[in-house]
Protein backbone atom coordinates (compact mmCIF):
# COMPACT_ATOMS: atom_id res chain seq x y z
CA MET A 1 67.85 75.18 122.52
CA LEU A 2 65.74 75.13 125.61
CA ASN A 3 66.95 77.02 128.60
CA MET A 4 67.36 74.61 131.59
CA ASN A 5 68.38 77.11 134.11
CA ALA A 6 64.76 78.42 135.24
CA GLN A 7 64.32 79.06 138.79
CA PRO A 8 61.58 77.02 140.79
CA LYS A 9 60.22 80.08 142.51
CA GLN A 10 60.70 83.74 142.62
CA HIS A 11 62.98 85.38 145.49
CA THR A 12 63.04 88.55 146.69
CA ASP A 13 66.84 88.67 147.58
CA ALA A 14 67.80 87.84 143.83
CA ASN A 15 68.75 90.38 141.11
CA TYR A 16 66.64 90.73 138.14
CA LEU A 17 67.81 91.94 134.76
CA VAL A 18 65.12 92.57 132.04
CA VAL A 19 66.56 92.48 129.05
CA GLY A 20 64.61 94.43 126.40
CA LEU A 21 61.97 97.13 126.85
CA GLY A 22 59.21 96.65 124.59
CA LEU A 23 55.61 95.51 125.65
CA THR A 24 56.56 92.41 127.51
CA GLY A 25 59.61 93.97 128.92
CA PHE A 26 57.58 96.81 130.48
CA SER A 27 54.78 94.55 132.04
CA VAL A 28 57.86 92.25 133.46
CA ALA A 29 59.55 95.43 135.04
CA LEU A 30 56.28 96.85 136.52
CA TYR A 31 55.34 93.35 137.66
CA LEU A 32 58.94 92.83 139.37
CA MET A 33 59.03 96.41 140.80
CA SER A 34 55.65 96.43 141.99
CA LEU A 35 56.74 93.43 143.99
CA GLY A 36 59.57 95.52 145.39
CA TYR A 37 62.35 93.17 143.70
CA ARG A 38 65.61 94.31 142.89
CA CYS A 39 65.40 95.17 138.96
CA ARG A 40 67.40 96.69 136.30
CA VAL A 41 66.31 96.94 132.70
CA GLN A 42 68.55 96.71 129.63
CA ASP A 43 67.80 97.56 126.09
CA THR A 44 70.08 98.84 123.26
CA ARG A 45 67.85 101.30 121.67
CA ASP A 46 68.27 105.07 122.23
CA VAL A 47 64.61 105.51 123.46
CA PRO A 48 63.19 101.98 124.00
CA PRO A 49 59.43 101.91 123.00
CA TYR A 50 58.21 101.88 126.65
CA PHE A 51 61.09 104.11 128.33
CA HIS A 52 59.01 107.09 129.26
CA ALA A 53 56.07 104.79 130.44
CA LEU A 54 58.17 103.01 132.88
CA ARG A 55 59.80 106.11 134.05
CA THR A 56 56.28 107.76 134.61
CA GLU A 57 55.44 104.64 136.55
CA PHE A 58 58.69 103.97 138.38
CA PRO A 59 60.65 107.36 138.24
CA SER A 60 63.73 105.84 139.75
CA ALA A 61 63.85 102.81 137.49
CA ASP A 62 67.52 101.83 136.75
CA ILE A 63 67.19 101.62 132.80
CA VAL A 64 70.71 101.15 131.26
CA LYS A 65 70.59 101.67 127.20
CA HIS A 66 73.82 99.70 125.84
CA PRO A 67 74.26 96.39 125.02
CA LEU A 68 74.52 93.27 127.24
CA ASN A 69 77.81 92.99 129.06
CA ALA A 70 79.86 91.44 131.43
CA GLU A 71 79.19 93.54 134.35
CA LEU A 72 75.31 93.69 134.01
CA ILE A 73 75.82 89.66 133.68
CA ASP A 74 77.64 89.52 136.70
CA TRP A 75 75.28 91.74 138.79
CA ALA A 76 72.25 89.51 137.59
CA ASP A 77 70.89 86.38 139.43
CA VAL A 78 67.96 86.21 136.93
CA LEU A 79 67.99 87.72 133.17
CA VAL A 80 64.37 87.97 132.23
CA VAL A 81 64.82 87.81 128.39
CA SER A 82 62.00 89.40 126.00
CA PRO A 83 60.69 86.97 123.23
CA GLY A 84 62.31 89.52 120.71
CA VAL A 85 65.63 88.64 122.10
CA SER A 86 67.49 85.57 120.87
CA ILE A 87 68.54 83.44 123.80
CA ALA A 88 71.20 82.02 121.41
CA GLN A 89 73.22 85.55 121.50
CA PRO A 90 76.46 84.88 122.78
CA GLU A 91 75.86 87.00 125.84
CA ILE A 92 72.80 85.13 126.80
CA VAL A 93 74.71 81.88 126.37
CA GLN A 94 77.46 83.08 128.59
CA ALA A 95 74.69 83.81 131.42
CA ILE A 96 73.49 80.55 130.97
CA ASP A 97 76.99 79.02 131.25
CA LEU A 98 77.92 80.90 134.61
CA GLY A 99 74.56 79.09 136.01
CA LYS A 100 72.39 82.58 135.70
CA SER A 101 68.76 81.67 135.58
CA VAL A 102 67.57 82.60 132.04
CA ILE A 103 63.87 83.01 131.97
CA GLY A 104 60.74 84.82 130.19
CA ASP A 105 57.45 86.39 131.30
CA ILE A 106 55.80 83.44 131.24
CA GLU A 107 57.96 81.56 133.38
CA LEU A 108 57.45 84.37 135.89
CA PHE A 109 53.76 84.05 135.24
CA ALA A 110 53.99 80.19 135.83
CA GLN A 111 55.60 80.80 139.15
CA ALA A 112 52.94 82.95 140.20
CA THR A 113 49.92 80.88 139.23
CA VAL A 114 50.82 77.40 140.63
CA GLY A 115 47.55 75.63 141.00
CA LYS A 116 45.50 78.12 139.19
CA PRO A 117 43.80 76.58 135.88
CA VAL A 118 45.82 77.64 132.84
CA LEU A 119 45.39 76.42 128.87
CA VAL A 120 48.02 77.16 126.54
CA ILE A 121 48.10 77.20 123.05
CA THR A 122 50.56 77.25 120.21
CA GLY A 123 51.26 76.55 116.53
CA SER A 124 52.49 78.25 113.56
CA ASN A 125 48.81 79.23 112.32
CA GLY A 126 45.79 80.06 114.09
CA LYS A 127 46.73 80.30 117.49
CA SER A 128 45.28 83.92 118.14
CA THR A 129 41.81 82.80 116.69
CA VAL A 130 41.81 79.42 119.08
CA THR A 131 42.83 81.55 122.06
CA THR A 132 40.43 84.23 121.37
CA LEU A 133 37.68 81.73 120.50
CA LEU A 134 38.46 79.37 123.80
CA GLY A 135 37.86 82.79 126.04
CA ARG A 136 34.83 83.67 124.47
CA MET A 137 33.37 80.06 125.11
CA ILE A 138 34.66 80.31 128.93
CA ALA A 139 32.92 84.03 129.00
CA ALA A 140 29.82 82.21 127.32
CA ASP A 141 29.30 80.15 130.25
CA ASN A 142 29.32 83.17 132.75
CA LYS A 143 33.05 82.31 134.05
CA SER A 144 35.55 85.02 134.10
CA VAL A 145 38.77 84.30 132.20
CA GLY A 146 42.11 86.10 131.41
CA VAL A 147 43.19 86.07 127.67
CA GLY A 148 46.82 86.84 126.54
CA GLY A 149 50.39 86.33 126.50
CA ASN A 150 51.60 86.51 122.95
CA LEU A 151 48.29 87.96 121.88
CA GLY A 152 47.30 91.29 123.35
CA VAL A 153 47.78 91.52 126.88
CA PRO A 154 50.93 90.28 128.35
CA ALA A 155 50.55 87.13 130.67
CA LEU A 156 51.79 89.29 133.75
CA ASP A 157 49.17 91.76 133.22
CA LEU A 158 46.53 89.20 133.77
CA LEU A 159 47.39 88.63 137.30
CA GLN A 160 45.63 92.02 138.20
CA GLU A 161 42.44 90.57 138.39
CA SER A 162 40.77 87.38 139.47
CA VAL A 163 39.61 85.07 137.00
CA ASP A 164 38.25 81.39 136.78
CA TYR A 165 40.71 80.51 134.10
CA PHE A 166 43.52 81.85 132.00
CA VAL A 167 44.10 81.48 128.43
CA LEU A 168 47.47 81.96 127.05
CA GLU A 169 48.65 82.03 123.57
CA LEU A 170 52.30 81.13 123.50
CA SER A 171 55.08 81.69 121.05
CA SER A 172 58.11 79.48 120.46
CA TYR A 173 60.24 82.47 122.03
CA GLN A 174 57.94 82.37 125.01
CA LEU A 175 58.50 78.60 125.20
CA GLU A 176 62.10 78.54 125.09
CA THR A 177 62.08 80.15 128.77
CA THR A 178 59.38 78.21 130.05
CA GLN A 179 60.01 75.35 132.71
CA SER A 180 57.46 75.59 135.52
CA LEU A 181 54.25 76.06 133.76
CA LYS A 182 51.65 73.08 134.42
CA PRO A 183 48.52 73.70 132.38
CA VAL A 184 45.17 71.99 132.55
CA ALA A 185 45.46 71.60 128.88
CA ALA A 186 47.95 72.19 126.03
CA THR A 187 47.89 72.20 122.44
CA VAL A 188 50.24 72.58 119.29
CA LEU A 189 47.73 73.30 116.70
CA ASN A 190 49.82 72.86 113.51
CA LEU A 191 53.43 73.50 112.44
CA SER A 192 55.13 74.64 109.28
CA GLU A 193 58.33 76.46 108.65
CA ASP A 194 58.59 79.68 110.41
CA HIS A 195 61.29 81.81 112.23
CA LEU A 196 64.08 80.00 110.83
CA ASP A 197 66.11 82.80 111.13
CA ARG A 198 65.98 82.05 115.04
CA TYR A 199 66.36 78.30 114.96
CA ASP A 200 68.93 76.34 113.81
CA SER A 201 66.88 73.90 111.73
CA TYR A 202 62.89 73.28 111.15
CA ALA A 203 63.41 70.41 113.70
CA ASP A 204 64.63 72.67 116.32
CA TYR A 205 61.51 74.89 115.93
CA ILE A 206 59.43 72.03 115.97
CA GLN A 207 61.28 70.61 119.09
CA VAL A 208 60.69 74.20 121.06
CA LYS A 209 57.00 73.88 120.31
CA LEU A 210 56.18 70.65 121.28
CA HIS A 211 57.85 71.71 124.77
CA ILE A 212 54.19 73.35 125.45
CA TYR A 213 52.96 69.77 126.52
CA GLN A 214 55.58 69.34 129.43
CA ASN A 215 53.51 69.01 132.60
CA ALA A 216 50.22 69.54 130.81
CA LYS A 217 47.34 67.56 132.21
CA VAL A 218 45.83 66.80 128.71
CA CYS A 219 47.59 67.20 125.65
CA ILE A 220 45.50 68.16 122.34
CA SER A 221 47.08 67.72 119.06
CA ASN A 222 46.05 67.74 115.27
CA GLN A 223 45.42 64.33 113.53
CA ASP A 224 46.17 65.88 110.05
CA ASP A 225 49.70 66.90 111.50
CA GLU A 226 51.92 64.48 112.54
CA THR A 227 54.27 66.90 114.07
CA THR A 228 52.10 68.17 116.68
CA ARG A 229 51.49 64.77 118.48
CA HIS A 230 53.05 64.19 122.03
CA ASP A 231 51.96 60.52 122.70
CA SER A 232 48.98 57.99 121.95
CA SER A 233 47.06 59.63 125.18
CA ASP A 234 46.49 62.85 122.95
CA ILE A 235 43.02 64.16 122.60
CA LEU A 236 43.00 64.66 118.67
CA PHE A 237 40.77 67.07 116.47
CA GLY A 238 40.83 67.10 112.54
CA LEU A 239 39.34 67.75 109.38
CA THR A 240 39.32 64.10 107.95
CA VAL A 241 35.66 63.64 107.37
CA ASN A 242 34.07 60.76 109.36
CA GLY A 243 37.57 60.28 110.96
CA THR A 244 38.51 58.91 114.07
CA ALA A 245 39.40 62.01 115.81
CA GLU A 246 37.48 62.87 118.75
CA PHE A 247 36.84 66.36 117.43
CA GLY A 248 36.08 66.24 113.86
CA LEU A 249 34.00 66.78 110.83
CA VAL A 250 30.77 64.64 109.89
CA VAL A 251 29.32 64.95 106.45
CA ASN A 252 25.91 63.74 105.84
CA ASP A 253 22.75 64.83 104.05
CA SER A 254 22.31 67.77 106.32
CA GLY A 255 25.44 69.28 105.58
CA THR A 256 28.79 69.23 107.12
CA TRP A 257 29.14 69.42 110.85
CA LEU A 258 31.62 70.07 113.47
CA ALA A 259 31.08 67.03 115.84
CA HIS A 260 32.48 65.68 119.08
CA LYS A 261 32.62 61.66 119.11
CA GLY A 262 30.59 61.81 115.89
CA GLU A 263 28.03 63.84 117.67
CA HIS A 264 26.54 67.10 115.77
CA TRP A 265 27.39 70.28 117.41
CA VAL A 266 27.60 73.13 114.47
CA ASN A 267 26.74 73.11 111.08
CA VAL A 268 29.60 75.07 109.35
CA ASN A 269 27.16 77.25 107.34
CA GLN A 270 26.27 78.54 110.82
CA LEU A 271 29.79 79.82 111.24
CA LYS A 272 30.81 83.51 110.53
CA VAL A 273 34.42 82.58 109.86
CA PHE A 274 35.14 80.77 106.75
CA GLY A 275 37.48 78.21 105.21
CA ARG A 276 38.57 74.64 106.35
CA HIS A 277 41.44 76.18 108.60
CA ASN A 278 38.96 77.85 110.61
CA TRP A 279 36.85 74.85 110.96
CA ALA A 280 39.90 73.12 112.29
CA ASN A 281 40.40 76.24 114.56
CA CYS A 282 36.80 75.77 116.20
CA LEU A 283 37.37 71.81 116.64
CA ALA A 284 40.79 72.47 118.39
CA ALA A 285 38.65 75.29 120.65
CA MET A 286 36.07 72.65 121.27
CA ALA A 287 38.38 70.13 122.42
CA LEU A 288 40.28 72.78 124.61
CA ALA A 289 36.90 73.59 126.34
CA SER A 290 35.83 69.79 126.80
CA THR A 291 38.54 69.76 129.38
CA LEU A 292 36.87 72.40 131.62
CA ASP A 293 33.51 72.51 133.15
CA ILE A 294 32.24 74.49 130.18
CA SER A 295 28.49 73.56 128.77
CA ARG A 296 28.28 72.47 125.53
CA GLN A 297 25.45 75.22 125.15
CA ALA A 298 27.94 77.82 125.54
CA ILE A 299 30.82 76.43 123.51
CA ILE A 300 28.15 76.29 120.53
CA LYS A 301 27.03 79.92 121.27
CA ALA A 302 30.33 81.33 121.26
CA MET A 303 31.33 79.46 117.94
CA ILE A 304 28.26 80.83 116.25
CA GLU A 305 28.53 84.30 117.09
CA PHE A 306 32.27 84.28 116.74
CA LYS A 307 33.34 86.75 113.88
CA GLY A 308 37.09 86.29 113.61
CA ILE A 309 39.86 88.52 114.96
CA PRO A 310 41.19 91.88 113.41
CA HIS A 311 44.02 91.26 110.73
CA ARG A 312 43.20 87.46 110.55
CA SER A 313 40.80 86.55 107.20
CA GLU A 314 39.10 90.27 108.06
CA TRP A 315 36.38 91.07 105.54
CA ILE A 316 37.24 95.04 104.90
CA ALA A 317 34.81 95.56 102.05
CA GLU A 318 33.09 94.49 98.79
CA ILE A 319 33.55 97.21 95.89
CA ASN A 320 32.09 96.54 92.43
CA GLY A 321 31.66 92.61 93.54
CA VAL A 322 35.43 92.25 94.88
CA GLU A 323 36.08 91.05 98.04
CA TRP A 324 38.88 92.72 100.00
CA ILE A 325 40.46 90.71 102.69
CA ASN A 326 42.91 91.79 105.28
CA ASP A 327 45.36 88.41 106.47
CA THR A 328 48.13 90.38 107.43
CA LYS A 329 48.26 87.89 110.29
CA ALA A 330 49.51 85.34 107.64
CA THR A 331 53.22 86.08 108.18
CA ASN A 332 54.38 82.54 107.28
CA VAL A 333 53.88 80.03 104.36
CA GLY A 334 51.49 77.81 106.32
CA ALA A 335 49.18 80.68 107.38
CA ALA A 336 49.21 82.00 103.76
CA LEU A 337 48.45 78.68 102.32
CA ALA A 338 45.60 77.98 104.87
CA SER A 339 44.30 81.78 103.69
CA ILE A 340 44.53 81.20 99.74
CA GLU A 341 42.94 77.60 100.09
CA GLY A 342 40.03 79.09 102.13
CA ARG A 343 39.08 81.38 99.57
CA ASP A 344 36.51 80.25 96.95
CA ARG A 345 36.97 83.28 94.36
CA PRO A 346 39.74 84.00 91.83
CA ILE A 347 42.56 85.72 94.28
CA ILE A 348 44.64 88.91 93.40
CA LEU A 349 47.55 88.23 96.30
CA ILE A 350 49.31 90.82 97.96
CA ALA A 351 52.34 89.35 99.48
CA GLY A 352 56.12 89.98 100.57
CA GLY A 353 58.06 91.37 103.31
CA GLN A 354 60.82 89.49 105.48
CA SER A 355 60.41 85.62 104.72
CA LYS A 356 62.48 84.30 107.53
CA ASN A 357 64.59 81.96 105.39
CA ALA A 358 61.29 80.13 104.72
CA ASP A 359 60.60 77.84 101.68
CA MET A 360 58.51 79.83 99.65
CA GLY A 361 57.96 77.11 97.25
CA VAL A 362 55.55 75.62 99.36
CA LEU A 363 53.02 77.98 97.93
CA TYR A 364 53.66 77.23 94.60
CA GLN A 365 50.80 74.91 93.66
CA ALA A 366 48.09 76.98 95.30
CA ILE A 367 49.15 80.06 93.71
CA LYS A 368 49.22 78.01 90.55
CA GLN A 369 45.64 76.83 91.01
CA GLN A 370 44.16 79.91 92.93
CA VAL A 371 45.88 82.86 92.29
CA LYS A 372 45.45 85.11 89.16
CA LEU A 373 48.09 87.83 89.94
CA VAL A 374 50.69 88.25 92.57
CA LEU A 375 51.55 91.51 93.80
CA LEU A 376 54.85 91.50 95.34
CA MET A 377 56.76 93.96 97.79
CA GLY A 378 59.23 93.85 100.26
CA VAL A 379 62.84 93.01 101.17
CA ASP A 380 62.78 89.62 100.02
CA ALA A 381 60.75 90.15 96.63
CA ASP A 382 63.59 88.71 94.52
CA ARG A 383 63.80 85.83 96.59
CA ILE A 384 59.88 85.09 96.78
CA GLU A 385 59.52 85.73 92.61
CA GLN A 386 61.99 83.41 92.00
CA ALA A 387 60.25 80.79 94.18
CA TRP A 388 57.05 81.27 92.53
CA HIS A 389 58.04 82.00 88.80
CA GLY A 390 55.51 80.40 86.67
CA ALA A 391 52.72 79.85 89.24
CA ALA A 392 50.87 83.15 88.35
CA PRO A 393 51.70 86.67 86.67
CA ILE A 394 53.89 88.63 89.15
CA GLU A 395 54.06 92.24 89.31
CA ARG A 396 56.43 94.54 91.55
CA VAL A 397 55.04 97.09 93.76
CA ASP A 398 56.77 99.62 95.89
CA ASN A 399 54.31 100.12 98.62
CA MET A 400 50.71 99.04 99.84
CA ALA A 401 49.16 102.25 98.37
CA ASN A 402 50.52 101.23 94.93
CA ALA A 403 49.40 97.49 95.51
CA ILE A 404 45.87 98.76 96.08
CA ILE A 405 45.68 101.07 93.19
CA LEU A 406 47.00 98.17 90.67
CA ALA A 407 44.78 95.58 92.34
CA ASN A 408 41.89 97.77 91.77
CA GLN A 409 42.38 98.29 88.07
CA ARG A 410 43.05 94.69 87.65
CA ALA A 411 39.96 92.85 89.59
CA LEU A 412 37.08 91.69 88.18
CA ASN A 413 33.40 91.01 89.62
CA GLY A 414 33.68 87.90 91.39
CA ASP A 415 37.46 88.26 92.46
CA CYS A 416 39.08 88.50 95.87
CA VAL A 417 41.83 90.77 96.85
CA LEU A 418 43.83 88.94 99.49
CA LEU A 419 46.71 90.59 101.52
CA ALA A 420 48.16 87.28 102.94
CA PRO A 421 51.74 88.27 102.96
CA ALA A 422 53.36 84.95 103.95
CA CYS A 423 56.29 87.18 105.63
CA ALA A 424 56.96 89.15 108.60
CA SER A 425 56.12 93.05 108.11
CA PHE A 426 59.42 94.38 109.88
CA ASP A 427 61.29 95.54 106.57
CA MET A 428 58.18 98.07 105.96
CA TYR A 429 56.18 98.41 109.25
CA PRO A 430 56.71 98.40 113.01
CA ASN A 431 54.28 95.15 113.22
CA PHE A 432 51.84 93.02 110.95
CA GLU A 433 48.88 95.30 112.78
CA ALA A 434 50.46 98.36 111.10
CA ARG A 435 50.37 96.39 107.54
CA GLY A 436 46.82 95.60 107.90
CA ASP A 437 45.80 98.96 109.18
CA ASP A 438 47.50 100.33 106.07
CA PHE A 439 45.78 97.71 103.91
CA ALA A 440 42.27 98.74 105.14
CA ASN A 441 42.89 102.21 105.09
CA HIS A 442 43.54 102.40 101.49
CA VAL A 443 40.81 99.97 100.60
CA ARG A 444 38.00 102.03 102.53
CA GLN A 445 39.46 105.42 100.73
CA LEU A 446 38.57 103.30 97.44
CA GLN A 447 34.93 103.45 98.82
CA HIS A 448 35.18 107.10 99.10
CA ASP A 449 36.81 107.99 95.66
């Protein structure tokens, strides 16, 4: 469900209720209070993560620590809902029915950046990589760029500096509450089952993702994934060899090339990131950069120098001929599939967590073909083991430390131990980064034992 009550502009005489005081809610509260707007903050937690930080900046901040109720909704003209809060919950639906404006931080950002060049990226997988790489391409051409959104820096924090371009990674949750954004270019990289605990169906999830194309000047989609298409005017990228996508692969006697309209730009052997999924990420970033006044030289330079991002197919160590890879950001089946298929070694796979009701059977064939052992943990381990039964040997582990010990015992020279959980981390960790850090720390400990 997309919210259609977004205000066309900000009003100094409106009452703003910030729902949720995590990182995004904190950035929203700081932004609104800095402008002198009337603002209250609501969070159900006894000590919200950014409670003390907000009180430090604004000692008199009105922070309400109880569930959203009729009194708060009645007071508010605008509810600014954090991405972690579902707009399908009854209280939010009630606010929408009462004609309240229900928006998110990206809508506030859009209202504040009218006329400024913004590029936006979404998709089930690879969006952080493409967002980061596109930012590097722009910077390599000596132009200033603000990179953030669902990745790293909250979008509103980017407004503190004057930049030539904004590049935003957007989640489906952020797109639900955004109406005014008019990007220079927008892309849906790919789509696979994810967040089905927040949506009634996969079709609803797709609809929300495609909302990113609304008002975009240029739409860029994946030729290899029909669900990402907007219309026939899209610029296409894709991995079909010698295909018709404007940005695609060319294979000849000199190797495999990332190309634009058949013209060689970068040989894949020059890249520091591995796997066909990363070739697709590079092609998508090339397509986005092509909509700007960015030189080909800068685009190529950024791709060749790019080493990936932490927690996304991150090389941690090679110990006794065994490669250890941290892909904790593979939090859904599509990302895990790309991670597994991107390896050219026998795999010991560490997986599990909160599966978000996704169809884990999607990974069955890839596991059968490339994985020699699955080490499974987390709250949905029973469900996942049932889906993968027969694809590869599966052993259960209680925690990451035991997973690393067992993987080290079973791995042989030439193997890859891959953390690609296919699940969210919240059953065991505060976020996927903490899970990846735990993996990396235990692996590095092996080097010192």
